């Protein structure tokens, strides 16, 4: 079992920045894939960014060049630096972890809300 707890959400201004963190209660060194998802009101949950155990990252087109995902295996944390915020970034942001095993293990945090508004 891996428990994930997000923090850092809140109110951000258009054009501003926020930094989200996700703390795991165990070592993340062995976690093959970690990611951030988000879910806006009335919409389906969507993938924002991923990072592999080796540090390879991918981003959704709508955040490319603005958001940066990172993982610190020593501190057991995942981060999401969000710059150039837009009102459409308003959503609840979720931390996700996947361990490739049989069967695969997947874990979710409870989410942290982000509101972008002036």
Protein backbone atom coordinates (compact mmCIF):
# COMPACT_ATOMS: atom_id res chain seq x y z
CA UNK A 1 0.00 0.00 0.00
CA UNK A 2 1.15 3.51 -0.81
CA UNK A 3 -0.59 6.50 0.67
CA UNK A 4 -0.30 9.74 -1.28
CA UNK A 5 -1.10 13.17 0.15
CA UNK A 6 -1.23 16.25 -2.03
CA UNK A 7 -0.61 19.81 -0.86
CA UNK A 8 0.01 23.24 -2.29
CA UNK A 9 -3.31 23.91 -3.93
CA UNK A 10 -5.25 27.10 -3.46
CA UNK A 11 -5.97 30.32 -5.26
CA UNK A 12 -3.67 31.42 -8.06
CA UNK A 13 -3.81 34.47 -10.27
CA UNK A 14 -3.90 34.27 -14.07
CA UNK A 15 -0.31 34.40 -15.21
CA UNK A 16 0.90 33.41 -11.77
CA UNK A 17 2.43 30.27 -10.32
CA UNK A 18 1.62 27.52 -7.87
CA UNK A 19 3.60 24.49 -6.79
CA UNK A 20 1.90 21.25 -5.87
CA UNK A 21 3.52 18.50 -3.85
CA UNK A 22 2.59 14.90 -3.27
CA UNK A 23 4.10 13.08 -0.30
CA UNK A 24 4.24 9.30 -0.21
CA UNK A 25 4.32 7.39 3.06
CA UNK A 26 6.90 4.98 1.69
CA UNK A 27 9.87 5.00 -0.63
CA UNK A 28 8.98 5.97 -4.19
CA UNK A 29 12.23 4.62 -5.59
CA UNK A 30 10.51 1.48 -6.81
CA UNK A 31 7.42 3.19 -8.22
CA UNK A 32 7.59 2.83 -11.98
CA UNK A 33 5.28 5.68 -12.92
CA UNK A 34 3.99 8.74 -11.11
CA UNK A 35 1.65 11.30 -12.53
CA UNK A 36 -0.62 14.26 -11.95
CA UNK A 37 -4.21 14.20 -13.11
CA UNK A 38 -6.85 16.87 -12.78
CA UNK A 39 -10.61 17.05 -12.81
CA UNK A 40 -12.47 20.25 -13.47
CA UNK A 41 -16.08 20.69 -12.33
CA UNK A 42 -18.41 18.79 -14.60
CA UNK A 43 -15.59 17.24 -16.59
CA UNK A 44 -13.80 13.92 -16.65
CA UNK A 45 -10.45 13.39 -14.98
CA UNK A 46 -7.59 14.06 -17.39
CA UNK A 47 -3.89 13.32 -17.42
CA UNK A 48 -1.65 16.34 -16.89
CA UNK A 49 1.90 14.96 -16.71
CA UNK A 50 3.83 11.76 -16.04
CA UNK A 51 7.31 10.88 -14.85
CA UNK A 52 8.93 7.47 -14.91
CA UNK A 53 11.29 5.94 -12.41
CA UNK A 54 14.12 6.94 -14.73
CA UNK A 55 12.96 10.54 -14.93
CA UNK A 56 11.38 10.55 -18.38
CA UNK A 57 8.51 13.03 -18.50
CA UNK A 58 5.46 13.56 -20.68
CA UNK A 59 2.97 16.42 -20.68
CA UNK A 60 -0.50 17.03 -21.97
CA UNK A 61 -0.50 19.56 -24.78
CA UNK A 62 -2.52 22.01 -22.72
CA UNK A 63 0.28 22.35 -20.11
CA UNK A 64 3.41 21.95 -22.23
CA UNK A 65 5.85 24.75 -21.61
CA UNK A 66 3.97 25.90 -18.50
CA UNK A 67 4.03 22.99 -16.03
CA UNK A 68 6.99 20.92 -14.84
CA UNK A 69 6.69 17.56 -13.11
CA UNK A 70 9.43 16.34 -10.83
CA UNK A 71 10.15 13.55 -8.38
CA UNK A 72 12.56 13.44 -5.47
CA UNK A 73 13.23 9.84 -4.56
CA UNK A 74 15.21 10.85 -1.49
CA UNK A 75 12.29 12.81 -0.07
CA UNK A 76 9.58 10.50 -1.44
CA UNK A 77 7.80 13.39 -3.10
CA UNK A 78 6.29 14.26 -6.46
CA UNK A 79 5.89 17.87 -7.50
CA UNK A 80 4.15 19.93 -10.12
CA UNK A 81 5.40 23.44 -10.78
CA UNK A 82 2.62 25.35 -12.50
CA UNK A 83 3.53 28.61 -14.21
CA UNK A 84 1.58 30.96 -16.48
CA UNK A 85 -1.64 29.82 -14.89
CA UNK A 86 -4.89 30.13 -16.80
CA UNK A 87 -8.47 30.11 -15.50
CA UNK A 88 -8.98 26.82 -17.34
CA UNK A 89 -6.36 25.24 -15.06
CA UNK A 90 -8.95 25.40 -12.29
CA UNK A 91 -9.50 21.83 -11.11
CA UNK A 92 -8.81 19.34 -8.37
CA UNK A 93 -5.33 17.93 -8.93
CA UNK A 94 -4.60 14.30 -8.06
CA UNK A 95 -1.35 12.46 -7.51
CA UNK A 96 -1.09 8.96 -9.00
CA UNK A 97 1.41 6.16 -8.58
CA UNK A 98 1.73 2.89 -10.46
CA UNK A 99 3.88 -0.11 -9.64
CA UNK A 100 4.34 -2.55 -12.49
CA UNK A 101 3.70 -5.91 -10.88
CA UNK A 102 1.32 -8.81 -11.17
CA UNK A 103 -1.27 -7.55 -10.65
CA UNK A 104 -0.37 -3.90 -11.25
CA UNK A 105 -0.71 -1.65 -8.21
CA UNK A 106 -2.24 1.77 -8.63
CA UNK A 107 -2.69 4.42 -5.97
CA UNK A 108 -4.39 7.80 -5.87
CA UNK A 109 -4.23 10.74 -3.54
CA UNK A 110 -7.39 12.52 -2.43
CA UNK A 111 -6.62 15.62 -4.45
CA UNK A 112 -5.88 19.26 -3.85
CA UNK A 113 -8.04 22.01 -5.33
CA UNK A 114 -6.59 24.73 -7.53
CA UNK A 115 -8.56 27.82 -8.47
CA UNK A 116 -7.17 30.32 -10.95
CA UNK A 117 -9.01 33.60 -10.79
CA UNK A 118 -8.36 37.30 -10.50
